[in-house]
């Protein structure tokens, strides 16, 4: 987010490329849409089609995640979190955040009509 909004565009572009180059070997970056583990996914970095990160990630990475995202929606309409929260209230809070993130992403990519 910082690099997306940094006014030093040339410097931000260079740093974004360096970050993108470091993602493949990072075990906390989950490319596989079936990986339920805790970490970042391509959609965490590129939640909209027009963002800088979308250009840095292969289309297949985001596309596969977008295809799987609706299938992980729970019966109550929300999405689960992928980490062990410290309390029930934290679970409810973060599930709400994860649900808003998922709905925003699906809408931005035209996968959900408003």
PDB file of N, CA and C in Angstrom:
ATOM      1  N   UNK A   1       0.828  -1.192   0.000  1.00  0.00           N
ATOM      2  CA  UNK A   1       0.000   0.000   0.000  1.00  0.00           C
ATOM      3  C   UNK A   1       0.867   1.248   0.000  1.00  0.00           C
ATOM      4  N   UNK A   2       1.941   1.196   0.787  1.00  0.00           N
ATOM      5  CA  UNK A   2       2.832   2.354   0.839  1.00  0.00           C
ATOM      6  C   UNK A   2       3.393   2.661  -0.545  1.00  0.00           C
ATOM      7  N   UNK A   3       3.860   1.636  -1.240  1.00  0.00           N
ATOM      8  CA  UNK A   3       4.437   1.862  -2.562  1.00  0.00           C
ATOM      9  C   UNK A   3       3.380   2.308  -3.574  1.00  0.00           C
ATOM     10  N   UNK A   4       2.148   1.891  -3.395  1.00  0.00           N
ATOM     11  CA  UNK A   4       1.074   2.335  -4.289  1.00  0.00           C
ATOM     12  C   UNK A   4       0.805   3.826  -4.148  1.00  0.00           C
ATOM     13  N   UNK A   5       1.011   4.360  -2.956  1.00  0.00           N
ATOM     14  CA  UNK A   5       0.642   5.757  -2.690  1.00  0.00           C
ATOM     15  C   UNK A   5       1.832   6.684  -2.489  1.00  0.00           C
ATOM     16  N   UNK A   6       3.029   6.160  -2.570  1.00  0.00           N
ATOM     17  CA  UNK A   6       4.224   6.974  -2.387  1.00  0.00           C
ATOM     18  C   UNK A   6       4.334   7.975  -3.541  1.00  0.00           C
ATOM     19  N   UNK A   7       4.512   9.271  -3.247  1.00  0.00           N
ATOM     20  CA  UNK A   7       4.582  10.262  -4.320  1.00  0.00           C
ATOM     21  C   UNK A   7       5.861  10.175  -5.152  1.00  0.00           C
ATOM     22  N   UNK A   8       6.890   9.513  -4.660  1.00  0.00           N
ATOM     23  CA  UNK A   8       8.122   9.337  -5.433  1.00  0.00           C
ATOM     24  C   UNK A   8       7.934   8.136  -6.359  1.00  0.00           C
ATOM     25  N   UNK A   9       7.223   8.345  -7.448  1.00  0.00           N
ATOM     26  CA  UNK A   9       6.789   7.251  -8.317  1.00  0.00           C
ATOM     27  C   UNK A   9       7.949   6.430  -8.869  1.00  0.00           C
ATOM     28  N   UNK A  10       8.994   7.068  -9.329  1.00  0.00           N
ATOM     29  CA  UNK A  10      10.112   6.329  -9.915  1.00  0.00           C
ATOM     30  C   UNK A  10      10.757   5.411  -8.870  1.00  0.00           C
ATOM     31  N   UNK A  11      10.985   5.947  -7.701  1.00  0.00           N
ATOM     32  CA  UNK A  11      11.579   5.145  -6.617  1.00  0.00           C
ATOM     33  C   UNK A  11      10.628   4.026  -6.192  1.00  0.00           C
ATOM     34  N   UNK A  12       9.345   4.330  -6.084  1.00  0.00           N
ATOM     35  CA  UNK A  12       8.354   3.321  -5.695  1.00  0.00           C
ATOM     36  C   UNK A  12       8.298   2.200  -6.720  1.00  0.00           C
ATOM     37  N   UNK A  13       8.398   2.542  -8.001  1.00  0.00           N
ATOM     38  CA  UNK A  13       8.380   1.519  -9.047  1.00  0.00           C
ATOM     39  C   UNK A  13       9.580   0.581  -8.924  1.00  0.00           C
ATOM     40  N   UNK A  14      10.761   1.141  -8.665  1.00  0.00           N
ATOM     41  CA  UNK A  14      11.955   0.308  -8.498  1.00  0.00           C
ATOM     42  C   UNK A  14      11.808  -0.613  -7.290  1.00  0.00           C
ATOM     43  N   UNK A  15      11.316  -0.070  -6.171  1.00  0.00           N
ATOM     44  CA  UNK A  15      11.157  -0.878  -4.965  1.00  0.00           C
ATOM     45  C   UNK A  15      10.092  -1.956  -5.157  1.00  0.00           C
ATOM     46  N   UNK A  16       9.017  -1.626  -5.857  1.00  0.00           N
ATOM     47  CA  UNK A  16       7.960  -2.608  -6.108  1.00  0.00           C
ATOM     48  C   UNK A  16       8.500  -3.770  -6.934  1.00  0.00           C
ATOM     49  N   UNK A  17       9.355  -3.485  -7.905  1.00  0.00           N
ATOM     50  CA  UNK A  17       9.947  -4.555  -8.713  1.00  0.00           C
ATOM     51  C   UNK A  17      10.838  -5.449  -7.855  1.00  0.00           C
ATOM     52  N   UNK A  18      11.577  -4.835  -6.928  1.00  0.00           N
ATOM     53  CA  UNK A  18      12.443  -5.615  -6.038  1.00  0.00           C
ATOM     54  C   UNK A  18      11.611  -6.496  -5.108  1.00  0.00           C
ATOM     55  N   UNK A  19      10.523  -5.959  -4.596  1.00  0.00           N
ATOM     56  CA  UNK A  19       9.638  -6.749  -3.731  1.00  0.00           C
ATOM     57  C   UNK A  19       9.054  -7.914  -4.521  1.00  0.00           C
ATOM     58  N   UNK A  20       8.564  -7.650  -5.730  1.00  0.00           N
ATOM     59  CA  UNK A  20       7.969  -8.705  -6.565  1.00  0.00           C
ATOM     60  C   UNK A  20       8.982  -9.799  -6.880  1.00  0.00           C
ATOM     61  N   UNK A  21      10.233  -9.413  -7.095  1.00  0.00           N
ATOM     62  CA  UNK A  21      11.273 -10.401  -7.390  1.00  0.00           C
ATOM     63  C   UNK A  21      11.562 -11.291  -6.182  1.00  0.00           C
ATOM     64  N   UNK A  22      11.348 -10.784  -4.978  1.00  0.00           N
ATOM     65  CA  UNK A  22      11.607 -11.560  -3.766  1.00  0.00           C
ATOM     66  C   UNK A  22      10.457 -12.450  -3.339  1.00  0.00           C
ATOM     67  N   UNK A  23       9.312 -12.321  -3.965  1.00  0.00           N
ATOM     68  CA  UNK A  23       8.144 -13.110  -3.554  1.00  0.00           C
ATOM     69  C   UNK A  23       8.245 -14.608  -3.836  1.00  0.00           C
ATOM     70  N   UNK A  24       8.705 -15.027  -5.013  1.00  0.00           N
ATOM     71  CA  UNK A  24       8.653 -16.463  -5.312  1.00  0.00           C
ATOM     72  C   UNK A  24       9.249 -17.386  -4.254  1.00  0.00           C
ATOM     73  N   UNK A  25      10.429 -17.091  -3.703  1.00  0.00           N
ATOM     74  CA  UNK A  25      10.964 -18.038  -2.719  1.00  0.00           C
ATOM     75  C   UNK A  25      10.405 -17.863  -1.305  1.00  0.00           C
ATOM     76  N   UNK A  26       9.654 -16.812  -1.059  1.00  0.00           N
ATOM     77  CA  UNK A  26       9.171 -16.546   0.297  1.00  0.00           C
ATOM     78  C   UNK A  26       8.081 -17.550   0.686  1.00  0.00           C
ATOM     79  N   UNK A  27       8.276 -18.303   1.786  1.00  0.00           N
ATOM     80  CA  UNK A  27       7.287 -19.307   2.179  1.00  0.00           C
ATOM     81  C   UNK A  27       5.960 -18.696   2.665  1.00  0.00           C
ATOM     82  N   UNK A  28       5.956 -17.419   2.965  1.00  0.00           N
ATOM     83  CA  UNK A  28       4.717 -16.770   3.393  1.00  0.00           C
ATOM     84  C   UNK A  28       3.902 -16.221   2.220  1.00  0.00           C
ATOM     85  N   UNK A  29       4.395 -16.411   1.001  1.00  0.00           N
ATOM     86  CA  UNK A  29       3.656 -15.994  -0.186  1.00  0.00           C
ATOM     87  C   UNK A  29       3.062 -17.239  -0.822  1.00  0.00           C
ATOM     88  N   UNK A  30       1.748 -17.330  -0.808  1.00  0.00           N
ATOM     89  CA  UNK A  30       1.038 -18.526  -1.265  1.00  0.00           C
ATOM     90  C   UNK A  30       0.461 -18.315  -2.661  1.00  0.00           C
ATOM     91  N   UNK A  31       1.136 -18.878  -3.642  1.00  0.00           N
ATOM     92  CA  UNK A  31       0.643 -18.811  -5.018  1.00  0.00           C
ATOM     93  C   UNK A  31      -0.474 -19.823  -5.266  1.00  0.00           C
ATOM     94  N   UNK A  32      -0.366 -20.979  -4.649  1.00  0.00           N
ATOM     95  CA  UNK A  32      -1.331 -22.059  -4.859  1.00  0.00           C
ATOM     96  C   UNK A  32      -2.669 -21.688  -4.227  1.00  0.00           C
ATOM     97  N   UNK A  33      -3.737 -21.585  -5.030  1.00  0.00           N
ATOM     98  CA  UNK A  33      -5.040 -21.207  -4.481  1.00  0.00           C
ATOM     99  C   UNK A  33      -5.620 -22.242  -3.518  1.00  0.00           C
ATOM    100  N   UNK A  34      -5.099 -23.459  -3.555  1.00  0.00           N
ATOM    101  CA  UNK A  34      -5.594 -24.502  -2.653  1.00  0.00           C
ATOM    102  C   UNK A  34      -4.868 -24.486  -1.303  1.00  0.00           C
ATOM    103  N   UNK A  35      -3.836 -23.678  -1.169  1.00  0.00           N
ATOM    104  CA  UNK A  35      -3.058 -23.610   0.068  1.00  0.00           C
ATOM    105  C   UNK A  35      -3.832 -22.819   1.118  1.00  0.00           C
ATOM    106  N   UNK A  36      -4.287 -23.474   2.177  1.00  0.00           N
ATOM    107  CA  UNK A  36      -5.088 -22.787   3.190  1.00  0.00           C
ATOM    108  C   UNK A  36      -4.244 -22.091   4.258  1.00  0.00           C
ATOM    109  N   UNK A  37      -2.941 -22.187   4.173  1.00  0.00           N
ATOM    110  CA  UNK A  37      -2.072 -21.668   5.218  1.00  0.00           C
ATOM    111  C   UNK A  37      -2.078 -20.153   5.345  1.00  0.00           C
ATOM    112  N   UNK A  38      -1.489 -19.704   6.448  1.00  0.00           N
ATOM    113  CA  UNK A  38      -1.373 -18.287   6.736  1.00  0.00           C
ATOM    114  C   UNK A  38      -0.300 -17.666   5.855  1.00  0.00           C
ATOM    115  N   UNK A  39      -0.583 -16.519   5.295  1.00  0.00           N
ATOM    116  CA  UNK A  39       0.383 -15.805   4.484  1.00  0.00           C
ATOM    117  C   UNK A  39      -0.327 -14.904   3.491  1.00  0.00           C
ATOM    118  N   UNK A  40       0.458 -14.290   2.631  1.00  0.00           N
ATOM    119  CA  UNK A  40      -0.082 -13.409   1.608  1.00  0.00           C
ATOM    120  C   UNK A  40      -0.328 -14.180   0.323  1.00  0.00           C
ATOM    121  N   UNK A  41      -1.336 -13.761  -0.404  1.00  0.00           N
ATOM    122  CA  UNK A  41      -1.658 -14.350  -1.697  1.00  0.00           C
ATOM    123  C   UNK A  41      -1.531 -13.258  -2.764  1.00  0.00           C
ATOM    124  N   UNK A  42      -1.539 -13.636  -4.034  1.00  0.00           N
ATOM    125  CA  UNK A  42      -1.519 -12.608  -5.077  1.00  0.00           C
ATOM    126  C   UNK A  42      -2.655 -11.592  -4.931  1.00  0.00           C
ATOM    127  N   UNK A  43      -3.815 -12.024  -4.446  1.00  0.00           N
ATOM    128  CA  UNK A  43      -4.935 -11.090  -4.296  1.00  0.00           C
ATOM    129  C   UNK A  43      -4.763 -10.142  -3.109  1.00  0.00           C
ATOM    130  N   UNK A  44      -3.947 -10.501  -2.141  1.00  0.00           N
ATOM    131  CA  UNK A  44      -3.634  -9.553  -1.073  1.00  0.00           C
ATOM    132  C   UNK A  44      -2.812  -8.394  -1.638  1.00  0.00           C
ATOM    133  N   UNK A  45      -1.918  -8.712  -2.565  1.00  0.00           N
ATOM    134  CA  UNK A  45      -1.067  -7.687  -3.158  1.00  0.00           C
ATOM    135  C   UNK A  45      -1.761  -6.939  -4.292  1.00  0.00           C
ATOM    136  N   UNK A  46      -2.625  -7.617  -5.021  1.00  0.00           N
ATOM    137  CA  UNK A  46      -3.294  -7.008  -6.174  1.00  0.00           C
ATOM    138  C   UNK A  46      -4.804  -7.189  -6.048  1.00  0.00           C
ATOM    139  N   UNK A  47      -5.436  -6.468  -5.099  1.00  0.00           N
ATOM    140  CA  UNK A  47      -6.877  -6.647  -4.890  1.00  0.00           C
ATOM    141  C   UNK A  47      -7.757  -5.990  -5.947  1.00  0.00           C
ATOM    142  N   UNK A  48      -7.143  -5.221  -6.864  1.00  0.00           N
ATOM    143  CA  UNK A  48      -7.895  -4.597  -7.952  1.00  0.00           C
ATOM    144  C   UNK A  48      -7.113  -4.782  -9.254  1.00  0.00           C
ATOM    145  N   UNK A  49      -7.793  -4.786 -10.380  1.00  0.00           N
ATOM    146  CA  UNK A  49      -7.095  -5.009 -11.649  1.00  0.00           C
ATOM    147  C   UNK A  49      -6.198  -3.848 -12.074  1.00  0.00           C
ATOM    148  N   UNK A  50      -6.427  -2.652 -11.560  1.00  0.00           N
ATOM    149  CA  UNK A  50      -5.643  -1.505 -12.032  1.00  0.00           C
ATOM    150  C   UNK A  50      -4.424  -1.180 -11.164  1.00  0.00           C
ATOM    151  N   UNK A  51      -4.211  -1.893 -10.097  1.00  0.00           N
ATOM    152  CA  UNK A  51      -3.092  -1.602  -9.204  1.00  0.00           C
ATOM    153  C   UNK A  51      -1.735  -1.967  -9.782  1.00  0.00           C
ATOM    154  N   UNK A  52      -0.690  -1.357  -9.248  1.00  0.00           N
ATOM    155  CA  UNK A  52       0.689  -1.585  -9.682  1.00  0.00           C
ATOM    156  C   UNK A  52       1.073  -3.046  -9.563  1.00  0.00           C
ATOM    157  N   UNK A  53       0.609  -3.721  -8.526  1.00  0.00           N
ATOM    158  CA  UNK A  53       1.010  -5.105  -8.277  1.00  0.00           C
ATOM    159  C   UNK A  53       0.417  -6.057  -9.304  1.00  0.00           C
ATOM    160  N   UNK A  54      -0.703  -5.705  -9.845  1.00  0.00           N
ATOM    161  CA  UNK A  54      -1.339  -6.542 -10.864  1.00  0.00           C
ATOM    162  C   UNK A  54      -0.408  -6.708 -12.063  1.00  0.00           C
ATOM    163  N   UNK A  55       0.309  -5.654 -12.403  1.00  0.00           N
ATOM    164  CA  UNK A  55       1.244  -5.710 -13.531  1.00  0.00           C
ATOM    165  C   UNK A  55       2.462  -6.569 -13.207  1.00  0.00           C
ATOM    166  N   UNK A  56       2.791  -6.692 -11.931  1.00  0.00           N
ATOM    167  CA  UNK A  56       3.981  -7.430 -11.537  1.00  0.00           C
ATOM    168  C   UNK A  56       3.731  -8.922 -11.346  1.00  0.00           C
ATOM    169  N   UNK A  57       2.490  -9.308 -11.203  1.00  0.00           N
ATOM    170  CA  UNK A  57       2.145 -10.707 -10.962  1.00  0.00           C
ATOM    171  C   UNK A  57       1.556 -11.320 -12.226  1.00  0.00           C
ATOM    172  N   UNK A  58       1.855 -12.569 -12.453  1.00  0.00           N
ATOM    173  CA  UNK A  58       1.320 -13.266 -13.622  1.00  0.00           C
ATOM    174  C   UNK A  58      -0.197 -13.364 -13.520  1.00  0.00           C
ATOM    175  N   UNK A  59      -0.881 -13.224 -14.648  1.00  0.00           N
ATOM    176  CA  UNK A  59      -2.341 -13.284 -14.656  1.00  0.00           C
ATOM    177  C   UNK A  59      -2.886 -14.558 -14.037  1.00  0.00           C
ATOM    178  N   UNK A  60      -2.219 -15.662 -14.267  1.00  0.00           N
ATOM    179  CA  UNK A  60      -2.685 -16.933 -13.731  1.00  0.00           C
ATOM    180  C   UNK A  60      -2.699 -16.969 -12.213  1.00  0.00           C
ATOM    181  N   UNK A  61      -1.797 -16.246 -11.574  1.00  0.00           N
ATOM    182  CA  UNK A  61      -1.740 -16.240 -10.115  1.00  0.00           C
ATOM    183  C   UNK A  61      -3.009 -15.635  -9.534  1.00  0.00           C
ATOM    184  N   UNK A  62      -3.402 -14.487 -10.028  1.00  0.00           N
ATOM    185  CA  UNK A  62      -4.602 -13.837  -9.514  1.00  0.00           C
ATOM    186  C   UNK A  62      -5.856 -14.547  -9.999  1.00  0.00           C
ATOM    187  N   UNK A  63      -5.844 -14.991 -11.259  1.00  0.00           N
ATOM    188  CA  UNK A  63      -7.023 -15.640 -11.828  1.00  0.00           C
ATOM    189  C   UNK A  63      -7.420 -16.897 -11.088  1.00  0.00           C
ATOM    190  N   UNK A  64      -6.452 -17.730 -10.748  1.00  0.00           N
ATOM    191  CA  UNK A  64      -6.759 -18.965 -10.026  1.00  0.00           C
ATOM    192  C   UNK A  64      -7.326 -18.651  -8.646  1.00  0.00           C
ATOM    193  N   UNK A  65      -6.790 -17.650  -7.985  1.00  0.00           N
ATOM    194  CA  UNK A  65      -7.312 -17.244  -6.677  1.00  0.00           C
ATOM    195  C   UNK A  65      -8.731 -16.702  -6.803  1.00  0.00           C
ATOM    196  N   UNK A  66      -8.973 -15.911  -7.832  1.00  0.00           N
ATOM    197  CA  UNK A  66     -10.323 -15.375  -8.041  1.00  0.00           C
ATOM    198  C   UNK A  66     -11.327 -16.490  -8.289  1.00  0.00           C
ATOM    199  N   UNK A  67     -10.906 -17.521  -9.019  1.00  0.00           N
ATOM    200  CA  UNK A  67     -11.798 -18.650  -9.289  1.00  0.00           C
ATOM    201  C   UNK A  67     -12.156 -19.390  -7.999  1.00  0.00           C
ATOM    202  N   UNK A  68     -11.204 -19.492  -7.079  1.00  0.00           N
ATOM    203  CA  UNK A  68     -11.417 -20.248  -5.842  1.00  0.00           C
ATOM    204  C   UNK A  68     -12.082 -19.435  -4.732  1.00  0.00           C
ATOM    205  N   UNK A  69     -11.978 -18.132  -4.797  1.00  0.00           N
ATOM    206  CA  UNK A  69     -12.478 -17.292  -3.704  1.00  0.00           C
ATOM    207  C   UNK A  69     -13.962 -17.507  -3.378  1.00  0.00           C
ATOM    208  N   UNK A  70     -14.860 -17.540  -4.356  1.00  0.00           N
ATOM    209  CA  UNK A  70     -16.268 -17.758  -4.006  1.00  0.00           C
ATOM    210  C   UNK A  70     -16.522 -19.114  -3.332  1.00  0.00           C
ATOM    211  N   UNK A  71     -15.738 -20.112  -3.679  1.00  0.00           N
ATOM    212  CA  UNK A  71     -15.925 -21.446  -3.109  1.00  0.00           C
ATOM    213  C   UNK A  71     -15.553 -21.505  -1.630  1.00  0.00           C
ATOM    214  N   UNK A  72     -14.757 -20.558  -1.169  1.00  0.00           N
ATOM    215  CA  UNK A  72     -14.351 -20.564   0.241  1.00  0.00           C
ATOM    216  C   UNK A  72     -15.262 -19.720   1.124  1.00  0.00           C
ATOM    217  N   UNK A  73     -16.318 -19.174   0.534  1.00  0.00           N
ATOM    218  CA  UNK A  73     -17.282 -18.417   1.323  1.00  0.00           C
ATOM    219  C   UNK A  73     -18.078 -19.382   2.194  1.00  0.00           C
ATOM    220  N   UNK A  74     -18.239 -19.038   3.442  1.00  0.00           N
ATOM    221  CA  UNK A  74     -18.959 -19.879   4.387  1.00  0.00           C
ATOM    222  C   UNK A  74     -20.473 -19.705   4.242  1.00  0.00           C
ATOM    223  N   UNK A  75     -21.242 -20.596   4.839  1.00  0.00           N
ATOM    224  CA  UNK A  75     -22.705 -20.567   4.753  1.00  0.00           C
ATOM    225  C   UNK A  75     -23.292 -19.275   5.320  1.00  0.00           C
ATOM    226  N   UNK A  76     -22.599 -18.663   6.282  1.00  0.00           N
ATOM    227  CA  UNK A  76     -23.111 -17.418   6.866  1.00  0.00           C
ATOM    228  C   UNK A  76     -22.783 -16.187   6.011  1.00  0.00           C
ATOM    229  N   UNK A  77     -22.130 -16.399   4.868  1.00  0.00           N
ATOM    230  CA  UNK A  77     -21.809 -15.306   3.955  1.00  0.00           C
ATOM    231  C   UNK A  77     -20.419 -14.743   4.119  1.00  0.00           C
ATOM    232  N   UNK A  78     -19.699 -15.152   5.140  1.00  0.00           N
ATOM    233  CA  UNK A  78     -18.368 -14.608   5.397  1.00  0.00           C
ATOM    234  C   UNK A  78     -17.259 -15.537   4.967  1.00  0.00           C
ATOM    235  N   UNK A  79     -16.032 -15.068   5.134  1.00  0.00           N
ATOM    236  CA  UNK A  79     -14.841 -15.852   4.839  1.00  0.00           C
ATOM    237  C   UNK A  79     -14.064 -16.076   6.128  1.00  0.00           C
ATOM    238  N   UNK A  80     -13.429 -17.233   6.219  1.00  0.00           N
ATOM    239  CA  UNK A  80     -12.642 -17.567   7.406  1.00  0.00           C
ATOM    240  C   UNK A  80     -11.284 -16.865   7.362  1.00  0.00           C
ATOM    241  N   UNK A  81     -10.650 -16.770   8.529  1.00  0.00           N
ATOM    242  CA  UNK A  81      -9.280 -16.273   8.600  1.00  0.00           C
ATOM    243  C   UNK A  81      -8.349 -17.486   8.597  1.00  0.00           C
ATOM    244  N   UNK A  82      -7.103 -17.268   8.229  1.00  0.00           N
ATOM    245  CA  UNK A  82      -6.172 -18.393   8.093  1.00  0.00           C
ATOM    246  C   UNK A  82      -5.153 -18.454   9.230  1.00  0.00           C
ATOM    247  N   UNK A  83      -5.477 -17.879  10.368  1.00  0.00           N
ATOM    248  CA  UNK A  83      -4.571 -17.890  11.510  1.00  0.00           C
ATOM    249  C   UNK A  83      -5.367 -18.081  12.791  1.00  0.00           C
ATOM    250  N   UNK A  84      -4.683 -18.462  13.820  1.00  0.00           N
ATOM    251  CA  UNK A  84      -5.331 -18.726  15.105  1.00  0.00           C
ATOM    252  C   UNK A  84      -5.445 -17.416  15.897  1.00  0.00           C
ATOM    253  N   UNK A  85      -6.654 -16.902  16.049  1.00  0.00           N
ATOM    254  CA  UNK A  85      -6.841 -15.632  16.760  1.00  0.00           C
ATOM    255  C   UNK A  85      -6.721 -15.820  18.278  1.00  0.00           C
ATOM    256  N   UNK A  86      -6.428 -14.734  18.997  1.00  0.00           N
ATOM    257  CA  UNK A  86      -6.266 -14.839  20.439  1.00  0.00           C
ATOM    258  C   UNK A  86      -7.582 -14.954  21.213  1.00  0.00           C
ATOM    259  N   UNK A  87      -8.710 -14.632  20.565  1.00  0.00           N
ATOM    260  CA  UNK A  87      -9.995 -14.673  21.265  1.00  0.00           C
ATOM    261  C   UNK A  87     -11.138 -14.795  20.260  1.00  0.00           C
ATOM    262  N   UNK A  88     -12.311 -15.097  20.775  1.00  0.00           N
ATOM    263  CA  UNK A  88     -13.507 -15.187  19.922  1.00  0.00           C
ATOM    264  C   UNK A  88     -13.833 -13.825  19.305  1.00  0.00           C
ATOM    265  N   UNK A  89     -13.653 -12.756  20.068  1.00  0.00           N
ATOM    266  CA  UNK A  89     -13.939 -11.430  19.516  1.00  0.00           C
ATOM    267  C   UNK A  89     -12.976 -11.091  18.376  1.00  0.00           C
ATOM    268  N   UNK A  90     -11.717 -11.518  18.493  1.00  0.00           N
ATOM    269  CA  UNK A  90     -10.758 -11.297  17.410  1.00  0.00           C
ATOM    270  C   UNK A  90     -11.174 -12.090  16.171  1.00  0.00           C
ATOM    271  N   UNK A  91     -11.698 -13.269  16.369  1.00  0.00           N
ATOM    272  CA  UNK A  91     -12.179 -14.070  15.241  1.00  0.00           C
ATOM    273  C   UNK A  91     -13.280 -13.317  14.505  1.00  0.00           C
ATOM    274  N   UNK A  92     -14.244 -12.816  15.252  1.00  0.00           N
ATOM    275  CA  UNK A  92     -15.358 -12.092  14.632  1.00  0.00           C
ATOM    276  C   UNK A  92     -14.877 -10.826  13.925  1.00  0.00           C
ATOM    277  N   UNK A  93     -13.991 -10.092  14.565  1.00  0.00           N
ATOM    278  CA  UNK A  93     -13.447  -8.872  13.978  1.00  0.00           C
ATOM    279  C   UNK A  93     -12.727  -9.157  12.665  1.00  0.00           C
ATOM    280  N   UNK A  94     -11.803 -10.098  12.715  1.00  0.00           N
ATOM    281  CA  UNK A  94     -10.989 -10.375  11.542  1.00  0.00           C
ATOM    282  C   UNK A  94     -11.744 -11.105  10.448  1.00  0.00           C
ATOM    283  N   UNK A  95     -12.746 -11.891  10.816  1.00  0.00           N
ATOM    284  CA  UNK A  95     -13.580 -12.500   9.774  1.00  0.00           C
ATOM    285  C   UNK A  95     -14.316 -11.414   9.007  1.00  0.00           C
ATOM    286  N   UNK A  96     -14.761 -10.397   9.729  1.00  0.00           N
ATOM    287  CA  UNK A  96     -15.417  -9.267   9.067  1.00  0.00           C
ATOM    288  C   UNK A  96     -14.481  -8.563   8.100  1.00  0.00           C
ATOM    289  N   UNK A  97     -13.231  -8.358   8.528  1.00  0.00           N
ATOM    290  CA  UNK A  97     -12.238  -7.721   7.665  1.00  0.00           C
ATOM    291  C   UNK A  97     -11.944  -8.590   6.441  1.00  0.00           C
ATOM    292  N   UNK A  98     -11.791  -9.882   6.668  1.00  0.00           N
ATOM    293  CA  UNK A  98     -11.505 -10.802   5.560  1.00  0.00           C
ATOM    294  C   UNK A  98     -12.681 -10.860   4.586  1.00  0.00           C
ATOM    295  N   UNK A  99     -13.888 -10.803   5.106  1.00  0.00           N
ATOM    296  CA  UNK A  99     -15.084 -10.815   4.259  1.00  0.00           C
ATOM    297  C   UNK A  99     -15.149  -9.552   3.407  1.00  0.00           C
ATOM    298  N   UNK A 100     -14.897  -8.396   4.016  1.00  0.00           N
ATOM    299  CA  UNK A 100     -14.896  -7.152   3.246  1.00  0.00           C
ATOM    300  C   UNK A 100     -13.808  -7.166   2.173  1.00  0.00           C
ATOM    301  N   UNK A 101     -12.630  -7.694   2.514  1.00  0.00           N
ATOM    302  CA  UNK A 101     -11.543  -7.776   1.546  1.00  0.00           C
ATOM    303  C   UNK A 101     -11.947  -8.654   0.364  1.00  0.00           C
ATOM    304  N   UNK A 102     -12.542  -9.812   0.661  1.00  0.00           N
ATOM    305  CA  UNK A 102     -12.957 -10.738  -0.400  1.00  0.00           C
ATOM    306  C   UNK A 102     -14.036 -10.118  -1.286  1.00  0.00           C
ATOM    307  N   UNK A 103     -15.020  -9.473  -0.687  1.00  0.00           N
ATOM    308  CA  UNK A 103     -16.095  -8.854  -1.464  1.00  0.00           C
ATOM    309  C   UNK A 103     -15.567  -7.698  -2.316  1.00  0.00           C
ATOM    310  N   UNK A 104     -14.680  -6.905  -1.753  1.00  0.00           N
ATOM    311  CA  UNK A 104     -14.071  -5.803  -2.508  1.00  0.00           C
ATOM    312  C   UNK A 104     -13.303  -6.338  -3.713  1.00  0.00           C
ATOM    313  N   UNK A 105     -12.528  -7.372  -3.503  1.00  0.00           N
ATOM    314  CA  UNK A 105     -11.725  -7.946  -4.587  1.00  0.00           C
ATOM    315  C   UNK A 105     -12.618  -8.546  -5.667  1.00  0.00           C
ATOM    316  N   UNK A 106     -13.612  -9.322  -5.274  1.00  0.00           N
ATOM    317  CA  UNK A 106     -14.518  -9.927  -6.254  1.00  0.00           C
ATOM    318  C   UNK A 106     -15.247  -8.858  -7.062  1.00  0.00           C
ATOM    319  N   UNK A 107     -15.658  -7.791  -6.401  1.00  0.00           N
ATOM    320  CA  UNK A 107     -16.339  -6.693  -7.094  1.00  0.00           C
ATOM    321  C   UNK A 107     -15.382  -5.984  -8.050  1.00  0.00           C
ATOM    322  N   UNK A 108     -14.166  -5.697  -7.597  1.00  0.00           N
ATOM    323  CA  UNK A 108     -13.190  -4.982  -8.428  1.00  0.00           C
ATOM    324  C   UNK A 108     -12.859  -5.742  -9.702  1.00  0.00           C
ATOM    325  N   UNK A 109     -12.848  -7.070  -9.640  1.00  0.00           N
ATOM    326  CA  UNK A 109     -12.523  -7.879 -10.808  1.00  0.00           C
ATOM    327  C   UNK A 109     -13.774  -8.285 -11.601  1.00  0.00           C
ATOM    328  N   UNK A 110     -14.913  -7.719 -11.249  1.00  0.00           N
ATOM    329  CA  UNK A 110     -16.140  -8.006 -11.984  1.00  0.00           C
ATOM    330  C   UNK A 110     -16.703  -9.383 -11.744  1.00  0.00           C
ATOM    331  N   UNK A 111     -16.338  -9.992 -10.620  1.00  0.00           N
ATOM    332  CA  UNK A 111     -16.817 -11.337 -10.295  1.00  0.00           C
ATOM    333  C   UNK A 111     -18.054 -11.310  -9.408  1.00  0.00           C
ATOM    334  N   UNK A 112     -18.441 -10.107  -8.992  1.00  0.00           N
ATOM    335  CA  UNK A 112     -19.592  -9.946  -8.104  1.00  0.00           C
ATOM    336  C   UNK A 112     -20.281  -8.655  -8.497  1.00  0.00           C
ATOM    337  N   UNK A 113     -21.557  -8.709  -8.783  1.00  0.00           N
ATOM    338  CA  UNK A 113     -22.256  -7.483  -9.152  1.00  0.00           C
ATOM    339  C   UNK A 113     -22.754  -6.788  -7.882  1.00  0.00           C
ATOM    340  N   UNK A 114     -22.772  -5.476  -7.946  1.00  0.00           N
ATOM    341  CA  UNK A 114     -23.205  -4.691  -6.785  1.00  0.00           C
ATOM    342  C   UNK A 114     -24.672  -4.410  -6.829  1.00  0.00           C
TER     343      UNK A 114
END
